[in-house]
């Protein structure tokens, strides 16, 4: 190796080491954020289930059924469901883009996506 190419190789190796370290840091940060999001999702699901139980204990099934059949509340309900679905889709796309970005930085192949049943 000549003296002229040695500094270039050292710089290239240093840059590669920095890129690998940044990729590992991003990957670790992403895994931490993913774990946090899973915890938040489980807690939210628990709060929703508890809220439904309280609702079912406080409001009679007949009254709830009548209220849901009213046109204006039914339209608000449908719009609210559509808005939540849109927000969930945007969140899922942002999540997927971040997975793709981190996979690209770390040089690993994307993990296969396993379908998860969604409760309705």
Protein backbone atom coordinates (compact mmCIF):
# COMPACT_ATOMS: atom_id res chain seq x y z
CA UNK A 1 0.00 0.00 0.00
CA UNK A 2 1.41 3.40 -0.88
CA UNK A 3 1.48 6.37 1.43
CA UNK A 4 -0.82 8.24 -0.94
CA UNK A 5 -3.72 5.76 -0.66
CA UNK A 6 -3.31 4.95 3.04
CA UNK A 7 -5.05 8.09 4.41
CA UNK A 8 -7.94 7.54 2.00
CA UNK A 9 -8.39 3.95 3.20
CA UNK A 10 -8.27 5.07 6.84
CA UNK A 11 -10.88 7.74 6.16
CA UNK A 12 -13.08 5.30 4.29
CA UNK A 13 -12.83 2.72 7.07
CA UNK A 14 -13.55 5.42 9.66
CA UNK A 15 -16.59 6.61 7.73
CA UNK A 16 -17.82 3.01 7.41
CA UNK A 17 -17.38 2.48 11.16
CA UNK A 18 -19.32 5.68 11.89
CA UNK A 19 -22.10 4.67 9.48
CA UNK A 20 -22.35 1.21 11.09
CA UNK A 21 -22.43 2.74 14.58
CA UNK A 22 -25.14 5.20 13.57
CA UNK A 23 -27.12 2.37 12.00
CA UNK A 24 -26.86 0.32 15.21
CA UNK A 25 -27.84 3.34 17.28
CA UNK A 26 -30.88 3.98 15.08
CA UNK A 27 -31.80 0.31 15.20
CA UNK A 28 -31.60 0.24 19.01
CA UNK A 29 -33.57 3.47 19.28
CA UNK A 30 -36.22 2.11 16.93
CA UNK A 31 -36.52 -1.12 18.93
CA UNK A 32 -36.95 0.92 22.12
CA UNK A 33 -39.61 3.09 20.47
CA UNK A 34 -41.37 0.00 19.10
CA UNK A 35 -41.46 -1.59 22.56
CA UNK A 36 -42.83 1.65 24.02
CA UNK A 37 -45.51 1.80 21.34
CA UNK A 38 -46.53 -1.79 22.06
CA UNK A 39 -46.91 -0.96 25.76
CA UNK A 40 -49.00 2.12 24.95
CA UNK A 41 -51.21 0.09 22.59
CA UNK A 42 -51.83 -2.57 25.25
CA UNK A 43 -52.65 0.08 27.86
CA UNK A 44 -55.01 1.85 25.46
CA UNK A 45 -56.78 -1.44 24.70
CA UNK A 46 -57.14 -2.08 28.44
CA UNK A 47 -58.59 1.42 29.03
CA UNK A 48 -61.06 0.92 26.18
CA UNK A 49 -62.19 -2.46 27.55
CA UNK A 50 -62.65 -0.99 31.03
CA UNK A 51 -64.54 1.99 29.59
CA UNK A 52 -66.84 -0.36 27.69
CA UNK A 53 -67.54 -2.31 30.88
CA UNK A 54 -68.41 0.89 32.75
CA UNK A 55 -70.60 2.04 29.84
CA UNK A 56 -72.40 -1.31 29.80
CA UNK A 57 -73.01 -1.09 33.56
CA UNK A 58 -74.26 2.50 33.46
CA UNK A 59 -76.26 2.57 30.20
CA UNK A 60 -78.89 -0.02 29.36
CA UNK A 61 -78.43 -2.03 26.17
CA UNK A 62 -81.84 -0.88 24.88
CA UNK A 63 -81.06 2.80 25.37
CA UNK A 64 -77.66 2.40 23.72
CA UNK A 65 -79.21 0.61 20.74
CA UNK A 66 -81.85 3.35 20.34
CA UNK A 67 -79.20 6.07 20.60
CA UNK A 68 -77.01 4.42 17.96
CA UNK A 69 -79.93 4.31 15.53
CA UNK A 70 -80.44 8.08 15.64
CA UNK A 71 -79.30 9.54 12.27
CA UNK A 72 -77.10 12.39 13.49
CA UNK A 73 -75.14 10.40 16.10
CA UNK A 74 -74.84 7.51 13.60
CA UNK A 75 -73.30 9.86 11.03
CA UNK A 76 -70.87 11.26 13.62
CA UNK A 77 -69.98 7.71 14.62
CA UNK A 78 -69.26 6.71 11.01
CA UNK A 79 -67.18 9.86 10.46
CA UNK A 80 -65.25 9.29 13.68
CA UNK A 81 -64.51 5.68 12.65
CA UNK A 82 -63.30 6.89 9.24
CA UNK A 83 -61.07 9.54 10.87
CA UNK A 84 -59.55 6.99 13.26
CA UNK A 85 -58.95 4.59 10.35
CA UNK A 86 -57.24 7.37 8.37
CA UNK A 87 -55.04 8.29 11.33
CA UNK A 88 -54.17 4.61 11.88
CA UNK A 89 -53.28 4.23 8.19
CA UNK A 90 -51.02 7.30 8.29
CA UNK A 91 -49.36 6.02 11.46
CA UNK A 92 -48.84 2.60 9.90
CA UNK A 93 -47.29 4.14 6.77
CA UNK A 94 -44.97 6.31 8.89
CA UNK A 95 -43.99 3.23 10.89
CA UNK A 96 -43.29 1.22 7.72
CA UNK A 97 -41.22 4.04 6.23
CA UNK A 98 -39.12 4.19 9.38
CA UNK A 99 -38.63 0.40 9.28
CA UNK A 100 -37.55 0.63 5.63
CA UNK A 101 -35.20 3.52 6.43
CA UNK A 102 -33.53 1.70 9.32
CA UNK A 103 -33.30 -1.55 7.35
CA UNK A 104 -31.60 0.41 4.56
CA UNK A 105 -29.10 1.98 6.97
CA UNK A 106 -28.26 -1.28 8.70
CA UNK A 107 -28.09 -3.21 5.42
CA UNK A 108 -30.33 -6.01 6.59
CA UNK A 109 -33.19 -7.57 4.67
CA UNK A 110 -36.70 -6.55 5.72
CA UNK A 111 -38.28 -8.97 8.16
CA UNK A 112 -41.34 -10.80 6.84
CA UNK A 113 -44.56 -9.23 8.05
CA UNK A 114 -46.85 -11.57 9.96
CA UNK A 115 -50.55 -10.72 9.74
CA UNK A 116 -52.08 -9.91 13.11
CA UNK A 117 -55.78 -10.50 13.68
CA UNK A 118 -57.54 -7.27 14.58
CA UNK A 119 -60.44 -7.32 16.98
CA UNK A 120 -63.44 -5.37 15.76
